[in-house]
C-alpha atoms as a PDB file:
ATOM      1  CA  MET A   1      -0.057   0.012  -0.023  1.00  0.00           C
ATOM      2  CA  LYS A   2       1.299   3.497  -0.854  1.00  0.00           C
ATOM      3  CA  ARG A   3       1.368   6.403   1.509  1.00  0.00           C
ATOM      4  CA  SER A   4      -0.471   8.439  -1.091  1.00  0.00           C
ATOM      5  CA  VAL A   5      -3.565   6.330  -0.483  1.00  0.00           C
ATOM      6  CA  LEU A   6      -3.467   7.302   3.260  1.00  0.00           C
ATOM      7  CA  THR A   7      -2.748  10.926   2.476  1.00  0.00           C
ATOM      8  CA  ARG A   8      -5.694  11.300   0.119  1.00  0.00           C
ATOM      9  CA  TYR A   9      -7.897   9.665   2.735  1.00  0.00           C
ATOM     10  CA  ARG A  10      -6.694  12.037   5.566  1.00  0.00           C
ATOM     11  CA  VAL A  11      -7.248  15.243   3.383  1.00  0.00           C
ATOM     12  CA  MET A  12     -10.713  14.103   2.441  1.00  0.00           C
ATOM     13  CA  ALA A  13     -11.547  13.258   5.952  1.00  0.00           C
ATOM     14  CA  TYR A  14     -10.522  16.720   7.265  1.00  0.00           C
ATOM     15  CA  VAL A  15     -12.164  18.556   4.302  1.00  0.00           C
ATOM     16  CA  THR A  16     -15.453  16.594   4.744  1.00  0.00           C
ATOM     17  CA  ALA A  17     -15.427  17.036   8.542  1.00  0.00           C
ATOM     18  CA  VAL A  18     -14.956  20.730   8.234  1.00  0.00           C
ATOM     19  CA  MET A  19     -17.623  21.179   5.555  1.00  0.00           C
ATOM     20  CA  LEU A  20     -20.026  19.266   7.783  1.00  0.00           C
ATOM     21  CA  LEU A  21     -19.328  21.618  10.625  1.00  0.00           C
ATOM     22  CA  ILE A  22     -19.863  24.583   8.246  1.00  0.00           C
ATOM     23  CA  LEU A  23     -23.182  22.890   7.035  1.00  0.00           C
ATOM     24  CA  CYS A  24     -24.241  22.556  10.803  1.00  0.00           C
ATOM     25  CA  ALA A  25     -23.626  26.202  11.298  1.00  0.00           C
ATOM     26  CA  CYS A  26     -25.561  27.084   8.156  1.00  0.00           C
ATOM     27  CA  MET A  27     -28.488  24.953   9.194  1.00  0.00           C
ATOM     28  CA  VAL A  28     -28.546  26.693  12.617  1.00  0.00           C
ATOM     29  CA  ALA A  29     -28.562  30.049  10.801  1.00  0.00           C
ATOM     30  CA  LYS A  30     -31.246  28.861   8.405  1.00  0.00           C
ATOM     31  CA  TYR A  31     -33.666  27.265  10.773  1.00  0.00           C
ATOM     32  CA  GLY A  32     -32.860  29.177  13.952  1.00  0.00           C
ATOM     33  CA  PHE A  33     -32.556  32.637  12.609  1.00  0.00           C
ATOM     34  CA  ASP A  34     -34.355  32.441   9.261  1.00  0.00           C
ATOM     35  CA  THR A  35     -31.347  33.620   7.255  1.00  0.00           C
ATOM     36  CA  GLY A  36     -28.698  32.094   4.818  1.00  0.00           C
ATOM     37  CA  GLU A  37     -31.018  29.841   2.913  1.00  0.00           C
ATOM     38  CA  GLY A  38     -28.982  30.178  -0.291  1.00  0.00           C
ATOM     39  CA  LEU A  39     -25.778  29.659   1.483  1.00  0.00           C
ATOM     40  CA  THR A  40     -27.085  26.639   3.189  1.00  0.00           C
ATOM     41  CA  LEU A  41     -28.061  25.235  -0.199  1.00  0.00           C
ATOM     42  CA  VAL A  42     -24.651  25.698  -1.654  1.00  0.00           C
ATOM     43  CA  VAL A  43     -22.702  24.356   1.265  1.00  0.00           C
ATOM     44  CA  SER A  44     -25.003  21.284   1.388  1.00  0.00           C
ATOM     45  CA  GLN A  45     -24.429  20.532  -2.194  1.00  0.00           C
ATOM     46  CA  VAL A  46     -20.550  21.094  -1.855  1.00  0.00           C
ATOM     47  CA  HIS A  47     -20.508  18.808   1.301  1.00  0.00           C
ATOM     48  CA  GLY A  48     -22.447  16.232  -0.681  1.00  0.00           C
ATOM     49  CA  VAL A  49     -19.945  16.110  -3.540  1.00  0.00           C
ATOM     50  CA  LEU A  50     -16.913  16.048  -1.186  1.00  0.00           C
ATOM     51  CA  TYR A  51     -18.513  13.310   0.794  1.00  0.00           C
ATOM     52  CA  ILE A  52     -18.797  11.147  -2.243  1.00  0.00           C
ATOM     53  CA  VAL A  53     -15.131  11.686  -2.975  1.00  0.00           C
ATOM     54  CA  TYR A  54     -14.463  10.895   0.712  1.00  0.00           C
ATOM     55  CA  LEU A  55     -16.405   7.651   0.284  1.00  0.00           C
ATOM     56  CA  ILE A  56     -14.326   6.712  -2.672  1.00  0.00           C
ATOM     57  CA  PHE A  57     -10.979   7.248  -0.871  1.00  0.00           C
ATOM     58  CA  ALA A  58     -12.044   5.697   2.285  1.00  0.00           C
ATOM     59  CA  PHE A  59     -13.253   2.649   0.458  1.00  0.00           C
ATOM     60  CA  ASP A  60     -10.052   2.449  -1.448  1.00  0.00           C
ATOM     61  CA  LEU A  61      -8.030   2.619   1.726  1.00  0.00           C
ATOM     62  CA  GLY A  62     -10.256   0.079   3.451  1.00  0.00           C
ATOM     63  CA  SER A  63     -10.043  -2.407   0.581  1.00  0.00           C
ATOM     64  CA  LYS A  64      -6.248  -2.147   0.461  1.00  0.00           C
ATOM     65  CA  ALA A  65      -6.034  -2.386   4.325  1.00  0.00           C
ATOM     66  CA  LYS A  66      -8.306  -5.412   4.175  1.00  0.00           C
ATOM     67  CA  TRP A  67     -10.675  -4.025   6.805  1.00  0.00           C
ATOM     68  CA  PRO A  68     -13.782  -6.147   7.888  1.00  0.00           C
ATOM     69  CA  PHE A  69     -17.121  -4.763   6.596  1.00  0.00           C
ATOM     70  CA  GLY A  70     -18.130  -3.325   9.914  1.00  0.00           C
ATOM     71  CA  LYS A  71     -14.955  -1.179  10.344  1.00  0.00           C
ATOM     72  CA  LEU A  72     -15.277  -0.025   6.699  1.00  0.00           C
ATOM     73  CA  LEU A  73     -18.900   0.915   7.258  1.00  0.00           C
ATOM     74  CA  TRP A  74     -18.070   2.932  10.525  1.00  0.00           C
ATOM     75  CA  VAL A  75     -15.319   4.838   8.549  1.00  0.00           C
ATOM     76  CA  LEU A  76     -17.692   5.477   5.656  1.00  0.00           C
ATOM     77  CA  VAL A  77     -20.456   6.737   7.994  1.00  0.00           C
ATOM     78  CA  SER A  78     -18.061   8.880  10.104  1.00  0.00           C
ATOM     79  CA  GLY A  79     -18.310  11.587   7.388  1.00  0.00           C
ATOM     80  CA  THR A  80     -22.020  12.131   8.282  1.00  0.00           C
ATOM     81  CA  ILE A  81     -21.589  12.719  12.010  1.00  0.00           C
ATOM     82  CA  PRO A  82     -20.256  16.206  12.995  1.00  0.00           C
ATOM     83  CA  THR A  83     -16.675  15.859  14.430  1.00  0.00           C
ATOM     84  CA  ALA A  84     -16.582  12.070  14.150  1.00  0.00           C
ATOM     85  CA  ALA A  85     -14.427  12.115  11.090  1.00  0.00           C
ATOM     86  CA  PHE A  86     -11.511  13.984  13.037  1.00  0.00           C
ATOM     87  CA  PHE A  87     -11.487  11.187  15.648  1.00  0.00           C
ATOM     88  CA  VAL A  88     -11.941   8.230  13.228  1.00  0.00           C
ATOM     89  CA  GLU A  89      -9.234   9.724  10.922  1.00  0.00           C
ATOM     90  CA  ARG A  90      -6.638   9.719  13.805  1.00  0.00           C
ATOM     91  CA  LYS A  91      -7.481   6.150  14.689  1.00  0.00           C
ATOM     92  CA  VAL A  92      -7.343   4.991  11.008  1.00  0.00           C
ATOM     93  CA  VAL A  93      -3.948   6.644  10.520  1.00  0.00           C
ATOM     94  CA  ARG A  94      -2.536   5.013  13.668  1.00  0.00           C
ATOM     95  CA  GLU A  95      -3.678   1.612  12.472  1.00  0.00           C
ATOM     96  CA  VAL A  96      -2.643   2.013   8.767  1.00  0.00           C
ATOM     97  CA  GLU A  97       0.785   3.658   9.091  1.00  0.00           C
ATOM     98  CA  PRO A  98       2.586   0.538  10.374  1.00  0.00           C
ATOM     99  CA  LEU A  99       1.129  -1.453   7.442  1.00  0.00           C
ATOM    100  CA  ILE A 100       2.731   1.167   5.138  1.00  0.00           C
ATOM    101  CA  ALA A 101       6.008   1.019   6.961  1.00  0.00           C
ATOM    102  CA  ASP A 102       6.127  -2.735   6.780  1.00  0.00           C
ATOM    103  CA  ALA A 103       5.314  -2.912   3.094  1.00  0.00           C
ATOM    104  CA  PRO A 104       8.201  -3.902   0.793  1.00  0.00           C
ATOM    105  CA  ALA A 105       9.487  -1.120  -1.390  1.00  0.00           C
ATOM    106  CA  ALA A 106       8.393  -1.468  -4.925  1.00  0.00           C
ATOM    107  CA  VAL A 107      11.296  -1.783  -7.410  1.00  0.00           C
ATOM    108  CA  ALA A 108      10.850   0.289 -10.592  1.00  0.00           C
ATOM    109  CA  LYS A 109      11.691  -1.716 -13.684  1.00  0.00           C
ATOM    110  CA  ALA A 110      12.945  -0.084 -16.846  1.00  0.00           C
END
Protein backbone atom coordinates (compact mmCIF):
# COMPACT_ATOMS: atom_id res chain seq x y z
CA MET A 1 0.00 0.00 0.00
CA LYS A 2 1.30 3.46 -0.86
CA ARG A 3 1.42 6.41 1.47
CA SER A 4 -0.52 8.47 -1.11
CA VAL A 5 -3.62 6.36 -0.45
CA LEU A 6 -3.48 7.29 3.23
CA THR A 7 -2.72 10.94 2.45
CA ARG A 8 -5.72 11.25 0.12
CA TYR A 9 -7.95 9.70 2.78
CA ARG A 10 -6.62 12.06 5.49
CA VAL A 11 -7.16 15.17 3.38
CA MET A 12 -10.69 14.18 2.43
CA ALA A 13 -11.54 13.21 6.01
CA TYR A 14 -10.55 16.67 7.24
CA VAL A 15 -12.21 18.51 4.35
CA THR A 16 -15.43 16.53 4.77
CA ALA A 17 -15.46 17.09 8.53
CA VAL A 18 -14.89 20.84 8.22
CA MET A 19 -17.57 21.16 5.53
CA LEU A 20 -20.00 19.25 7.74
CA LEU A 21 -19.35 21.65 10.61
CA ILE A 22 -19.90 24.60 8.27
CA LEU A 23 -23.11 22.96 7.06
CA CYS A 24 -24.29 22.56 10.67
CA ALA A 25 -23.65 26.26 11.30
CA CYS A 26 -25.57 27.12 8.13
CA MET A 27 -28.48 24.94 9.24
CA VAL A 28 -28.59 26.72 12.60
CA ALA A 29 -28.63 30.06 10.79
CA LYS A 30 -31.32 28.90 8.37
CA TYR A 31 -33.71 27.27 10.80
CA GLY A 32 -32.83 29.16 13.99
CA PHE A 33 -32.53 32.68 12.62
CA ASP A 34 -34.36 32.49 9.27
CA THR A 35 -31.33 33.62 7.27
CA GLY A 36 -28.77 32.12 4.89
CA GLU A 37 -31.05 29.84 2.88
CA GLY A 38 -29.01 30.24 -0.32
CA LEU A 39 -25.71 29.69 1.47
CA THR A 40 -27.08 26.56 3.14
CA LEU A 41 -28.07 25.17 -0.24
CA VAL A 42 -24.62 25.77 -1.71
CA VAL A 43 -22.77 24.39 1.32
CA SER A 44 -24.97 21.29 1.44
CA GLN A 45 -24.31 20.53 -2.22
CA VAL A 46 -20.56 21.07 -1.87
CA HIS A 47 -20.48 18.85 1.21
CA GLY A 48 -22.44 16.19 -0.68
CA VAL A 49 -19.96 16.11 -3.55
CA LEU A 50 -16.97 16.11 -1.20
CA TYR A 51 -18.54 13.32 0.86
CA ILE A 52 -18.83 11.18 -2.27
CA VAL A 53 -15.12 11.75 -2.96
CA TYR A 54 -14.41 10.88 0.71
CA LEU A 55 -16.38 7.63 0.30
CA ILE A 56 -14.28 6.67 -2.71
CA PHE A 57 -10.98 7.34 -0.96
CA ALA A 58 -12.06 5.67 2.29
CA PHE A 59 -13.31 2.60 0.42
CA ASP A 60 -10.01 2.45 -1.50
CA LEU A 61 -8.02 2.62 1.73
CA GLY A 62 -10.26 0.07 3.45
CA SER A 63 -10.00 -2.42 0.61
CA LYS A 64 -6.20 -2.12 0.51
CA ALA A 65 -5.95 -2.42 4.31
CA LYS A 66 -8.36 -5.41 4.19
CA TRP A 67 -10.73 -4.05 6.82
CA PRO A 68 -13.75 -6.09 7.88
CA PHE A 69 -17.10 -4.77 6.62
CA GLY A 70 -18.15 -3.32 10.01
CA LYS A 71 -15.01 -1.22 10.32
CA LEU A 72 -15.29 -0.03 6.72
CA LEU A 73 -18.92 0.93 7.31
CA TRP A 74 -18.01 2.91 10.46
CA VAL A 75 -15.30 4.83 8.57
CA LEU A 76 -17.69 5.57 5.70
CA VAL A 77 -20.47 6.77 8.02
CA SER A 78 -18.13 8.95 10.09
CA GLY A 79 -18.33 11.61 7.37
CA THR A 80 -21.98 12.18 8.25
CA ILE A 81 -21.55 12.71 12.01
CA PRO A 82 -20.21 16.15 13.00
CA THR A 83 -16.66 15.88 14.45
CA ALA A 84 -16.60 12.06 14.16
CA ALA A 85 -14.35 12.13 11.10
CA PHE A 86 -11.63 13.91 13.08
CA PHE A 87 -11.48 11.12 15.66
CA VAL A 88 -11.93 8.26 13.21
CA GLU A 89 -9.21 9.69 10.94
CA ARG A 90 -6.69 9.72 13.78
CA LYS A 91 -7.49 6.14 14.72
CA VAL A 92 -7.31 4.96 11.10
CA VAL A 93 -3.95 6.65 10.53
CA ARG A 94 -2.49 5.02 13.67
CA GLU A 95 -3.63 1.62 12.44
CA VAL A 96 -2.62 1.98 8.79
CA GLU A 97 0.80 3.66 9.12
CA PRO A 98 2.50 0.47 10.40
CA LEU A 99 1.11 -1.39 7.38
CA ILE A 100 2.73 1.17 5.08
CA ALA A 101 6.04 1.03 6.97
CA ASP A 102 6.10 -2.80 6.81
CA ALA A 103 5.27 -2.94 3.12
CA PRO A 104 8.21 -3.84 0.88
CA ALA A 105 9.43 -1.05 -1.35
CA ALA A 106 8.38 -1.44 -4.96
CA VAL A 107 11.25 -1.74 -7.39
CA ALA A 108 10.92 0.29 -10.56
CA LYS A 109 11.63 -1.65 -13.71
CA ALA A 110 12.97 0.01 -16.83
